[in-house]
Amino acid sequence: MQHVDDLQNQAALRLARDADPDGERTIGVLTKPDALTKGAVGNRQKWRDVIEGKSHPLKHGYYCVRLPDDDERKRNLSRAESQKIAADFFEAIAPWNAIADRNRFGVPNFVANISELLVKLIEKNLTKLKEKVQQLLDDCEAQLRLLPVLTMGEPMTEVCSRITQFCADFQSAVFGESHKLELVQPNKRRYNGLKDEIFRTRPNFTTSLIIRDADYVKETSPQPAGPVIDLNHVKQAIADSVGWELPTHVPYDATKNFIRGFTSQWDGLALSCFNDIFATTSDFVQECVRKHFGQFKSFETQVAAIVQHDLDQCRDGTQHTLNDLLLKLEQVPFHTQNTEFFRSQWQFWCQYYHGRSGHHWCNFERTHNDEAIQVMAVVRAYFEVAYKRVIDYVPLTIEHELNQTLAAHFQDSLLNRFLGKMGTPDQMKALLTEDPSLAKKREFLEDRRTRLQQIKRRLEEVRKDVVNGVDDASVEHQSY
C-alpha cells in the first residue's frame, strides 16, 4: 500500500467490512515501505499513524513488511538473508525505528501473530461449524431415509413381495387394523351421515292433540325434511283412497302412499353415500399404489391400471346390489317379520299422536276411532322398522361388496398379470427400474452426504493442523 490517503477507498477494505463488520477476522498489511522517499515526510507520518492505530484503526491492527526488490531477487538471496535485510531496514530507517511495538514489522512477526489469531478464531467458531455441518448431515440422512430402499434381491421375488405387501396393507386397512384415519374412520363418518339423512325422511306428522312434556317423547334432531302433515291432510289422503271398502275400513292405499313417500327417497341417499365411499376407497388405493410401487414408474403404471379395472368392476357390482337387490326390497310389498317391534312402535305413536301422557296403550286388535291417527301411527311405526334395517344394510353391503371384495381380489389380479403374462426375468428386472427423478435425487443426496462427512472429518483435524503449523512457523522463524 503506497498511498495511505486512499485507504478508505480501497476495494479490499470495503469487502472486508462487508464480510467482517465486527473486525474479528480483518488484519491490515502495509507493503513497500522502502518506496517512500526521505522527502515524503507527510506520507511517512501517515504510515506511522496507521501502524500506531491513530488513523484508520482496526481491531487487530496493521503490520508492515518489506519484500525483496528486483535486485535482491536477481541475486537469489535465501529467505534468511532477505529477512535480515528487512529487519535491518526497519531498525535503521525512520519512522519505523521510532515505533515502540516492534512486533508489527517483518514477515516472521506477521506470520506468527496471524497464526495465533487464526487458532483463536478457529477455537471460537469450530464448535458452531461442527454443529452446523452435523445438522446438515442429519438433514441429508433424514431425506435419504425417506427415499424407498433400493432393491437388492432377485427381481421375481421382489415383484411378488411388493404385490403381497401392497395387498396386505390394503386388507389391513379395510378391516380396521391400520390406516384407520385414512379409510375406516372417514367411512364411518359418512355412514353416520347417511343415518341422519334417512332419519330426516320420516313423515312430519303433527296433530293439535300432541303434548310434548318432559316425561313423554320429543322428536330428536335432525328435523324432518318434508312438509308438515296434519290431521286434515291425512284425512284427505284417506278420503282420496276410498274405493269399495266397507264403512269403517281404512283404505290401505293411504298407508302405502305415505310409506312410499319416504322409501322412495332412500335410493338416491344410499347411492350418494356409496359414491362418497367409493371416492374415499379409490383415493386410498391410489395412495397405496404410490407408496408400494412409486419408486418404479413402469411398475406403478401397470399396477394402477389393474387396480383401476378391479375398482370399476366392484363399483358396478356394488351399485347393482344396492339398486336391484337391497333397495328394491324397500318397495312394495311393505312388510316386516319384526312384528313385536312394529306393535310396540304402533302403540307408542298412537299414544303420542293422541297427546296422552302416562302409560296408556292402544289395543292393536281393534280399530281406533280416529282413522287418521291410526294411519299416522302405522306409517311411523313402519318407518322405524325399515329405517333401522336400511341404515345397517347399506353400509354392510358397501363394505362387503366393495372394500372386502377388492381386498380379496387384488392379489389374484396382480399375480396373474405379472407372473402369467410378464413372468420372464428380463421383464421382472425392467419393472424394477427406478424412476429417473428419484434416482437423480438419491444420487444428489448421497454425494452431499459424502461431502459433508469429509468436511466433518476435516473440521475434527483442522485445529491440530493449525496448532502444528504455528509451532512449525515459530521454529522456522526462530532460526532466521
Protein backbone atom coordinates (compact mmCIF):
# COMPACT_ATOMS: atom_id res chain seq x y z
CA MET A 1 0.00 0.00 0.00
CA GLN A 2 1.84 3.11 -1.19
CA HIS A 3 -0.86 5.73 -0.63
CA VAL A 4 -2.36 5.74 2.86
CA ASP A 5 -4.61 8.60 1.78
CA ASP A 6 -6.54 6.12 -0.42
CA LEU A 7 -7.01 3.52 2.32
CA GLN A 8 -10.70 4.20 2.86
CA ASN A 9 -11.37 3.88 -0.86
CA GLN A 10 -9.65 0.54 -1.41
CA ALA A 11 -11.98 -2.23 -2.60
CA ALA A 12 -10.31 -4.81 -0.35
CA LEU A 13 -11.12 -2.77 2.76
CA ARG A 14 -14.74 -2.31 1.68
CA LEU A 15 -15.11 -6.03 1.06
CA ALA A 16 -13.55 -6.78 4.44
CA ARG A 17 -16.02 -4.52 6.20
CA ASP A 18 -18.96 -6.17 4.40
CA ALA A 19 -17.78 -9.68 5.22
CA ASP A 20 -16.47 -8.92 8.73
CA PRO A 21 -18.36 -5.93 10.18
CA ASP A 22 -17.05 -6.63 13.71
CA GLY A 23 -13.41 -6.74 12.54
CA GLU A 24 -12.72 -10.10 14.17
CA ARG A 25 -11.10 -11.55 11.02
CA THR A 26 -9.50 -8.45 9.48
CA ILE A 27 -5.76 -7.55 9.58
CA GLY A 28 -4.09 -4.66 7.77
CA VAL A 29 -0.78 -5.18 5.95
CA LEU A 30 1.31 -2.24 4.67
CA THR A 31 3.75 -3.13 1.90
CA LYS A 32 6.61 -1.42 0.07
CA PRO A 33 7.68 0.90 2.90
CA ASP A 34 11.07 1.30 1.08
CA ALA A 35 9.21 3.04 -1.76
CA LEU A 36 8.73 6.14 0.41
CA THR A 37 11.49 8.66 -0.25
CA LYS A 38 13.25 10.58 2.51
CA GLY A 39 11.49 13.71 1.42
CA ALA A 40 7.99 12.20 1.77
CA VAL A 41 7.74 13.34 5.36
CA GLY A 42 3.97 13.71 5.32
CA ASN A 43 3.34 10.25 3.93
CA ARG A 44 5.80 8.71 6.40
CA GLN A 45 3.86 10.29 9.27
CA LYS A 46 0.58 8.99 7.88
CA TRP A 47 2.02 5.46 7.72
CA ARG A 48 3.19 5.80 11.32
CA ASP A 49 -0.28 6.96 12.43
CA VAL A 50 -1.81 3.93 10.77
CA ILE A 51 0.60 1.44 12.35
CA GLU A 52 0.18 3.02 15.80
CA GLY A 53 -3.62 2.89 15.45
CA LYS A 54 -4.19 6.60 15.35
CA SER A 55 -5.62 6.54 11.81
CA HIS A 56 -8.00 4.02 10.19
CA PRO A 57 -7.85 1.74 13.25
CA LEU A 58 -8.51 -2.00 13.00
CA LYS A 59 -9.26 -4.30 15.91
CA HIS A 60 -6.16 -6.42 15.21
CA GLY A 61 -4.05 -3.53 13.92
CA TYR A 62 -1.63 -3.31 10.99
CA TYR A 63 1.65 -4.97 10.04
CA CYS A 64 4.35 -3.56 7.81
CA VAL A 65 6.50 -5.86 5.66
CA ARG A 66 9.35 -5.30 3.24
CA LEU A 67 9.67 -7.76 0.37
CA PRO A 68 12.78 -8.31 -1.77
CA ASP A 69 13.29 -5.76 -4.56
CA ASP A 70 14.23 -6.67 -8.15
CA ASP A 71 17.98 -6.55 -7.44
CA GLU A 72 17.67 -8.85 -4.42
CA ARG A 73 15.54 -11.32 -6.38
CA LYS A 74 18.16 -11.44 -9.15
CA ARG A 75 20.81 -12.31 -6.57
CA ASN A 76 18.72 -15.31 -5.43
CA LEU A 77 19.08 -14.44 -1.78
CA SER A 78 17.98 -17.03 0.76
CA ARG A 79 14.93 -16.45 2.91
CA ALA A 80 17.15 -15.79 5.91
CA GLU A 81 19.16 -13.20 4.01
CA SER A 82 16.03 -11.44 2.79
CA GLN A 83 14.58 -11.35 6.31
CA LYS A 84 17.90 -9.95 7.64
CA ILE A 85 17.83 -7.11 5.08
CA ALA A 86 14.20 -6.30 6.00
CA ALA A 87 14.95 -6.36 9.74
CA ASP A 88 17.93 -4.04 9.31
CA PHE A 89 15.77 -1.68 7.23
CA PHE A 90 13.10 -1.36 9.95
CA GLU A 91 15.79 -0.85 12.64
CA ALA A 92 17.67 1.85 10.73
CA ILE A 93 15.08 3.87 8.82
CA ALA A 94 12.71 6.46 10.26
CA PRO A 95 9.86 6.46 11.14
CA TRP A 96 9.88 2.64 11.50
CA ASN A 97 12.74 2.57 14.01
CA ALA A 98 10.85 5.00 16.26
CA ILE A 99 7.69 2.86 16.64
CA ALA A 100 7.59 1.13 20.01
CA ASP A 101 5.77 -2.08 19.00
CA ARG A 102 8.48 -3.95 17.08
CA ASN A 103 6.22 -6.99 16.59
CA ARG A 104 4.41 -5.05 13.85
CA PHE A 105 7.35 -5.31 11.41
CA GLY A 106 8.55 -8.09 9.17
CA VAL A 107 7.10 -11.28 7.68
CA PRO A 108 8.13 -13.56 10.61
CA ASN A 109 6.21 -11.44 13.14
CA PHE A 110 3.23 -11.20 10.79
CA VAL A 111 3.12 -15.00 10.19
CA ALA A 112 3.49 -15.86 13.87
CA ASN A 113 0.85 -13.41 15.06
CA ILE A 114 -1.68 -14.19 12.34
CA SER A 115 -1.30 -17.91 13.04
CA GLU A 116 -2.07 -17.37 16.72
CA LEU A 117 -5.08 -15.27 15.77
CA LEU A 118 -6.25 -17.95 13.37
CA VAL A 119 -6.10 -20.58 16.12
CA LYS A 120 -8.18 -18.38 18.42
CA LEU A 121 -10.79 -17.78 15.71
CA ILE A 122 -10.95 -21.47 14.89
CA GLU A 123 -11.33 -22.38 18.56
CA LYS A 124 -14.12 -19.82 18.83
CA ASN A 125 -16.03 -20.89 15.73
CA LEU A 126 -15.09 -24.55 15.32
CA THR A 127 -17.85 -25.78 17.62
CA LYS A 128 -20.50 -23.83 15.72
CA LEU A 129 -19.12 -25.03 12.41
CA LYS A 130 -19.15 -28.64 13.54
CA GLU A 131 -22.72 -28.29 14.84
CA LYS A 132 -23.84 -26.74 11.54
CA VAL A 133 -22.20 -29.47 9.49
CA GLN A 134 -23.73 -32.14 11.74
CA GLN A 135 -27.17 -30.55 11.32
CA LEU A 136 -26.78 -30.54 7.54
CA LEU A 137 -25.59 -34.14 7.66
CA ASP A 138 -28.56 -35.19 9.82
CA ASP A 139 -30.97 -33.46 7.42
CA CYS A 140 -29.36 -35.22 4.49
CA GLU A 141 -29.59 -38.60 6.22
CA ALA A 142 -33.25 -37.96 7.06
CA GLN A 143 -34.05 -37.19 3.41
CA LEU A 144 -32.27 -40.35 2.32
CA ARG A 145 -34.29 -42.41 4.80
CA LEU A 146 -37.48 -41.06 3.26
CA LEU A 147 -36.49 -42.47 -0.11
CA PRO A 148 -37.59 -46.02 -0.95
CA VAL A 149 -34.94 -48.64 -0.25
CA LEU A 150 -33.12 -49.85 -3.36
CA THR A 151 -33.97 -53.41 -4.29
CA MET A 152 -31.10 -55.85 -3.98
CA GLY A 153 -32.88 -59.20 -4.30
CA GLU A 154 -33.89 -61.42 -7.21
CA PRO A 155 -36.36 -59.50 -9.46
CA MET A 156 -39.24 -62.00 -9.45
CA THR A 157 -39.03 -62.39 -5.68
CA GLU A 158 -39.02 -58.61 -5.29
CA VAL A 159 -42.06 -58.18 -7.57
CA CYS A 160 -44.04 -60.83 -5.67
CA SER A 161 -43.00 -59.33 -2.34
CA ARG A 162 -44.16 -55.84 -3.27
CA ILE A 163 -47.51 -57.10 -4.55
CA THR A 164 -48.03 -59.12 -1.37
CA GLN A 165 -47.15 -56.15 0.85
CA PHE A 166 -49.49 -53.86 -1.09
CA CYS A 167 -52.40 -56.30 -0.78
CA ALA A 168 -51.75 -56.93 2.92
CA ASP A 169 -51.58 -53.17 3.54
CA PHE A 170 -54.93 -52.57 1.85
CA GLN A 171 -56.58 -55.55 3.52
CA SER A 172 -55.49 -54.49 6.99
CA ALA A 173 -56.92 -51.02 6.30
CA VAL A 174 -60.26 -52.43 5.11
CA PHE A 175 -60.66 -54.44 8.30
CA GLY A 176 -59.65 -51.53 10.51
CA GLU A 177 -56.28 -52.88 11.60
CA SER A 178 -54.26 -49.99 10.13
CA HIS A 179 -54.68 -46.66 8.32
CA LYS A 180 -57.78 -46.03 10.42
CA LEU A 181 -57.65 -42.28 9.86
CA GLU A 182 -57.47 -42.71 6.08
CA LEU A 183 -60.20 -45.31 5.43
CA VAL A 184 -62.31 -46.75 8.24
CA GLN A 185 -62.98 -43.55 10.16
CA PRO A 186 -63.97 -41.47 7.08
CA ASN A 187 -66.29 -44.30 6.01
CA LYS A 188 -67.91 -44.50 9.43
CA ARG A 189 -68.49 -40.75 9.45
CA ARG A 190 -70.16 -41.00 6.06
CA TYR A 191 -72.37 -43.87 7.21
CA ASN A 192 -73.40 -41.80 10.22
CA GLY A 193 -74.27 -39.04 7.80
CA LEU A 194 -76.44 -41.46 5.83
CA LYS A 195 -78.20 -42.41 9.05
CA ASP A 196 -79.09 -38.77 9.69
CA GLU A 197 -80.15 -38.22 6.08
CA ILE A 198 -82.52 -41.20 6.11
CA PHE A 199 -83.91 -40.24 9.51
CA ARG A 200 -84.82 -36.84 8.10
CA THR A 201 -87.07 -38.53 5.54
CA ARG A 202 -89.53 -39.60 8.26
CA PRO A 203 -93.06 -38.24 7.75
CA ASN A 204 -93.54 -34.94 9.52
CA PHE A 205 -96.90 -35.81 11.13
CA THR A 206 -98.45 -33.46 13.64
CA THR A 207 -101.73 -33.03 15.44
CA SER A 208 -103.15 -30.39 17.74
CA LEU A 209 -103.52 -33.16 20.32
CA ILE A 210 -99.77 -33.76 20.76
CA ILE A 211 -98.48 -32.90 24.24
CA ARG A 212 -94.70 -32.73 24.38
CA ASP A 213 -93.83 -32.73 28.07
CA ALA A 214 -90.56 -33.73 29.63
CA ASP A 215 -91.92 -37.05 30.79
CA TYR A 216 -93.04 -38.12 27.33
CA VAL A 217 -91.35 -38.07 23.91
CA LYS A 218 -89.56 -35.40 21.94
CA GLU A 219 -88.59 -35.65 18.30
CA THR A 220 -84.82 -35.56 18.07
CA SER A 221 -82.70 -33.68 15.54
CA PRO A 222 -82.19 -33.63 12.67
CA GLN A 223 -85.63 -32.30 11.96
CA PRO A 224 -87.80 -33.94 9.27
CA ALA A 225 -87.02 -32.66 5.80
CA GLY A 226 -90.54 -32.87 4.41
CA PRO A 227 -93.50 -30.53 4.87
CA VAL A 228 -95.79 -30.74 7.91
CA ILE A 229 -98.58 -33.29 7.50
CA ASP A 230 -101.52 -32.55 9.82
CA LEU A 231 -104.73 -34.46 10.59
CA ASN A 232 -106.68 -32.79 7.81
CA HIS A 233 -104.02 -33.77 5.28
CA VAL A 234 -104.15 -37.40 6.42
CA LYS A 235 -107.97 -37.46 6.43
CA GLN A 236 -108.00 -36.10 2.87
CA ALA A 237 -105.49 -38.74 1.79
CA ILE A 238 -107.75 -41.44 3.28
CA ALA A 239 -110.80 -40.00 1.54
CA ASP A 240 -108.93 -39.87 -1.78
CA SER A 241 -108.04 -43.57 -1.41
CA VAL A 242 -111.54 -44.88 -0.71
CA GLY A 243 -112.76 -47.49 -3.17
CA TRP A 244 -115.20 -50.32 -2.49
CA GLU A 245 -114.14 -50.67 1.12
CA LEU A 246 -116.89 -51.22 3.64
CA PRO A 247 -117.66 -48.45 6.12
CA THR A 248 -115.11 -48.03 8.97
CA HIS A 249 -112.46 -49.78 6.88
CA VAL A 250 -109.34 -47.60 6.36
CA PRO A 251 -108.05 -47.90 2.76
CA TYR A 252 -104.57 -49.46 2.70
CA ASP A 253 -103.62 -47.29 -0.27
CA ALA A 254 -103.44 -44.25 2.02
CA THR A 255 -100.92 -46.04 4.23
CA LYS A 256 -98.87 -47.25 1.25
CA ASN A 257 -98.71 -43.78 -0.29
CA PHE A 258 -97.32 -42.26 2.90
CA ILE A 259 -94.76 -45.08 3.22
CA ARG A 260 -93.75 -44.71 -0.40
CA GLY A 261 -93.21 -41.01 0.31
CA PHE A 262 -90.14 -41.74 2.42
CA THR A 263 -88.86 -45.05 0.99
CA SER A 264 -88.70 -43.53 -2.50
CA GLN A 265 -86.02 -41.11 -1.24
CA TRP A 266 -83.69 -43.81 0.02
CA ASP A 267 -82.31 -44.89 -3.35
CA GLY A 268 -80.70 -41.52 -4.02
CA LEU A 269 -79.36 -41.15 -0.48
CA ALA A 270 -77.84 -44.63 -0.49
CA LEU A 271 -76.20 -44.17 -3.89
CA SER A 272 -74.83 -40.76 -2.86
CA CYS A 273 -73.31 -42.38 0.21
CA PHE A 274 -71.86 -45.17 -1.94
CA ASN A 275 -70.28 -42.67 -4.35
CA ASP A 276 -68.57 -40.91 -1.45
CA ILE A 277 -67.30 -44.19 -0.02
CA PHE A 278 -66.06 -45.25 -3.45
CA ALA A 279 -64.17 -41.98 -3.84
CA THR A 280 -62.50 -42.46 -0.44
CA THR A 281 -61.56 -46.03 -1.29
CA SER A 282 -60.21 -45.03 -4.72
CA ASP A 283 -58.05 -42.28 -3.23
CA PHE A 284 -56.70 -44.62 -0.58
CA VAL A 285 -55.94 -47.37 -3.11
CA GLN A 286 -54.09 -44.93 -5.35
CA GLU A 287 -52.04 -43.71 -2.40
CA CYS A 288 -51.17 -47.33 -1.54
CA VAL A 289 -50.07 -47.91 -5.14
CA ARG A 290 -47.79 -44.86 -4.97
CA LYS A 291 -46.41 -45.98 -1.64
CA HIS A 292 -45.54 -49.52 -2.72
CA PHE A 293 -44.71 -49.05 -6.41
CA GLY A 294 -43.99 -45.33 -6.92
CA GLN A 295 -40.26 -46.00 -6.88
CA PHE A 296 -40.67 -47.74 -10.25
CA LYS A 297 -42.73 -45.75 -12.78
CA SER A 298 -43.42 -48.59 -15.20
CA PHE A 299 -44.39 -50.96 -12.40
CA GLU A 300 -46.61 -48.31 -10.79
CA THR A 301 -48.38 -47.51 -14.06
CA GLN A 302 -49.21 -51.14 -14.78
CA VAL A 303 -50.36 -51.86 -11.22
CA ALA A 304 -52.53 -48.74 -11.26
CA ALA A 305 -54.28 -49.90 -14.44
CA ILE A 306 -55.05 -53.35 -12.99
CA VAL A 307 -56.24 -51.88 -9.71
CA GLN A 308 -58.47 -49.40 -11.52
CA HIS A 309 -60.06 -52.24 -13.50
CA ASP A 310 -60.88 -54.07 -10.27
CA LEU A 311 -62.22 -50.85 -8.75
CA ASP A 312 -64.53 -50.29 -11.71
CA GLN A 313 -65.83 -53.84 -11.59
CA CYS A 314 -66.53 -53.72 -7.86
CA ARG A 315 -68.18 -50.33 -8.22
CA ASP A 316 -70.58 -51.70 -10.84
CA GLY A 317 -71.25 -54.83 -8.79
CA THR A 318 -71.96 -52.87 -5.62
CA GLN A 319 -74.28 -50.46 -7.42
CA HIS A 320 -76.18 -53.45 -8.84
CA THR A 321 -76.55 -54.97 -5.39
CA LEU A 322 -77.75 -51.70 -3.88
CA ASN A 323 -80.14 -50.90 -6.72
CA ASP A 324 -81.54 -54.22 -7.82
CA LEU A 325 -81.43 -56.18 -4.61
CA LEU A 326 -81.27 -54.21 -1.41
CA LEU A 327 -83.19 -51.02 -2.18
CA LYS A 328 -85.86 -52.83 -4.20
CA LEU A 329 -86.64 -54.74 -1.03
CA GLU A 330 -87.91 -51.48 0.43
CA GLN A 331 -90.52 -51.17 -2.32
CA VAL A 332 -93.91 -52.93 -2.44
CA PRO A 333 -94.79 -55.04 -0.58
CA PHE A 334 -94.15 -53.16 2.66
CA HIS A 335 -93.53 -55.96 5.04
CA THR A 336 -91.77 -56.91 8.26
CA GLN A 337 -91.34 -60.05 10.29
CA ASN A 338 -90.28 -57.93 13.22
CA THR A 339 -93.88 -57.78 14.47
CA GLU A 340 -93.07 -57.29 18.15
CA PHE A 341 -91.08 -54.14 17.48
CA PHE A 342 -93.72 -52.96 14.99
CA ARG A 343 -96.54 -53.47 17.56
CA SER A 344 -94.67 -51.56 20.24
CA GLN A 345 -93.95 -48.71 17.84
CA TRP A 346 -97.56 -48.60 16.63
CA GLN A 347 -98.86 -48.38 20.19
CA PHE A 348 -96.24 -45.76 21.05
CA TRP A 349 -97.16 -43.48 18.15
CA CYS A 350 -100.90 -43.93 18.69
CA GLN A 351 -100.37 -42.68 22.19
CA TYR A 352 -98.06 -39.91 21.01
CA TYR A 353 -100.37 -38.53 18.33
CA HIS A 354 -103.31 -38.64 20.78
CA GLY A 355 -101.26 -36.49 23.10
CA ARG A 356 -101.71 -38.77 26.10
CA SER A 357 -99.02 -38.89 28.77
CA GLY A 358 -98.53 -41.72 31.17
CA HIS A 359 -98.68 -45.40 30.24
CA HIS A 360 -101.80 -45.78 28.13
CA TRP A 361 -101.53 -48.48 25.44
CA CYS A 362 -103.73 -48.87 22.38
CA ASN A 363 -105.30 -52.19 21.53
CA PHE A 364 -103.68 -53.48 18.34
CA GLU A 365 -106.61 -55.81 17.54
CA ARG A 366 -109.36 -53.19 17.43
CA THR A 367 -109.63 -50.27 15.01
CA HIS A 368 -109.07 -46.90 16.58
CA ASN A 369 -111.94 -44.44 16.28
CA ASP A 370 -109.74 -41.82 14.70
CA GLU A 371 -108.73 -43.30 11.34
CA ALA A 372 -106.22 -40.58 10.58
CA ILE A 373 -104.25 -41.15 13.78
CA GLN A 374 -104.28 -44.89 13.10
CA VAL A 375 -102.72 -44.29 9.65
CA MET A 376 -100.14 -41.91 11.11
CA ALA A 377 -99.17 -44.42 13.79
CA VAL A 378 -98.89 -47.32 11.34
CA VAL A 379 -96.79 -45.31 8.89
CA ARG A 380 -94.48 -44.01 11.60
CA ALA A 381 -94.12 -47.48 13.14
CA TYR A 382 -93.19 -48.94 9.77
CA PHE A 383 -90.67 -46.13 9.24
CA GLU A 384 -88.92 -47.09 12.47
CA VAL A 385 -88.72 -50.73 11.38
CA ALA A 386 -87.49 -50.04 7.85
CA TYR A 387 -85.18 -47.20 8.85
CA LYS A 388 -83.29 -49.35 11.33
CA ARG A 389 -82.64 -52.13 8.82
CA VAL A 390 -81.63 -49.81 5.95
CA ILE A 391 -79.06 -47.85 7.98
CA ASP A 392 -77.36 -51.17 8.72
CA TYR A 393 -77.73 -52.97 5.41
CA VAL A 394 -76.47 -50.16 3.18
CA PRO A 395 -73.09 -49.79 4.98
CA LEU A 396 -72.70 -53.57 5.30
CA THR A 397 -73.44 -54.07 1.61
CA ILE A 398 -70.91 -51.42 0.57
CA GLU A 399 -68.22 -52.78 2.85
CA HIS A 400 -68.75 -56.39 1.74
CA GLU A 401 -69.36 -55.80 -1.96
CA LEU A 402 -66.76 -53.05 -2.47
CA ASN A 403 -63.95 -52.90 0.06
CA GLN A 404 -63.80 -56.51 1.20
CA THR A 405 -64.21 -57.80 -2.35
CA LEU A 406 -61.34 -55.59 -3.50
CA ALA A 407 -59.18 -56.83 -0.64
CA ALA A 408 -59.85 -60.41 -1.74
CA HIS A 409 -59.31 -59.84 -5.49
CA PHE A 410 -56.29 -57.55 -5.74
CA GLN A 411 -53.63 -60.19 -5.10
CA ASP A 412 -55.03 -62.68 -7.63
CA SER A 413 -55.38 -59.98 -10.29
CA LEU A 414 -51.85 -58.67 -9.84
CA LEU A 415 -50.07 -62.00 -9.55
CA ASN A 416 -51.90 -63.42 -12.56
CA ARG A 417 -50.87 -60.39 -14.59
CA PHE A 418 -47.21 -60.17 -13.66
CA LEU A 419 -46.39 -63.85 -13.17
CA GLY A 420 -48.54 -65.09 -16.02
CA LYS A 421 -48.05 -62.71 -18.92
CA MET A 422 -44.89 -60.94 -17.77
CA GLY A 423 -43.01 -63.63 -15.93
CA THR A 424 -39.62 -63.56 -17.67
CA PRO A 425 -36.55 -62.41 -15.69
CA ASP A 426 -35.89 -59.52 -18.11
CA GLN A 427 -39.46 -58.28 -17.74
CA MET A 428 -39.25 -58.51 -13.96
CA LYS A 429 -35.98 -56.58 -13.99
CA ALA A 430 -37.48 -53.91 -16.24
CA LEU A 431 -40.33 -53.42 -13.78
CA LEU A 432 -37.82 -52.60 -11.05
CA THR A 433 -36.05 -49.79 -12.93
CA GLU A 434 -36.07 -46.82 -10.55
CA ASP A 435 -37.83 -43.63 -11.59
CA PRO A 436 -35.15 -41.28 -13.10
CA SER A 437 -36.15 -38.29 -10.96
CA LEU A 438 -35.94 -40.44 -7.83
CA ALA A 439 -32.58 -41.89 -8.89
CA LYS A 440 -31.25 -38.36 -9.51
CA LYS A 441 -32.40 -37.21 -6.08
CA ARG A 442 -30.79 -40.23 -4.44
CA GLU A 443 -27.50 -39.56 -6.26
CA PHE A 444 -27.54 -35.91 -5.20
CA LEU A 445 -28.21 -36.73 -1.54
CA GLU A 446 -25.58 -39.48 -1.41
CA ASP A 447 -22.99 -37.14 -2.94
CA ARG A 448 -23.97 -34.41 -0.48
CA ARG A 449 -23.66 -36.83 2.43
CA THR A 450 -20.17 -37.86 1.29
CA ARG A 451 -19.01 -34.24 1.05
CA LEU A 452 -20.44 -33.36 4.46
CA GLN A 453 -18.75 -36.37 6.01
CA GLN A 454 -15.45 -35.23 4.51
CA ILE A 455 -15.97 -31.72 5.89
CA LYS A 456 -16.80 -33.15 9.29
CA ARG A 457 -13.58 -35.19 9.35
CA ARG A 458 -11.57 -32.21 8.20
CA LEU A 459 -13.00 -29.97 10.92
CA GLU A 460 -12.04 -32.58 13.50
CA GLU A 461 -8.46 -32.41 12.25
CA VAL A 462 -8.14 -28.72 11.44
CA ARG A 463 -7.25 -27.38 14.89
CA LYS A 464 -4.44 -29.89 15.26
CA ASP A 465 -3.13 -28.94 11.81
CA VAL A 466 -3.22 -25.21 12.62
CA VAL A 467 -1.53 -25.65 16.00
CA ASN A 468 1.19 -27.75 14.41
CA GLY A 469 1.55 -25.11 11.71
CA VAL A 470 2.05 -22.37 14.31
CA ASP A 471 4.65 -24.42 16.12
CA ASP A 472 6.49 -25.14 12.87
CA ALA A 473 6.38 -21.46 11.87
CA SER A 474 7.78 -20.42 15.27
CA VAL A 475 10.67 -22.86 14.97
CA GLU A 476 11.38 -21.78 11.40
CA HIS A 477 11.37 -18.06 12.12
CA GLN A 478 13.49 -18.50 15.23
CA SER A 479 16.22 -19.88 13.00
CA TYR A 480 16.37 -16.64 10.90
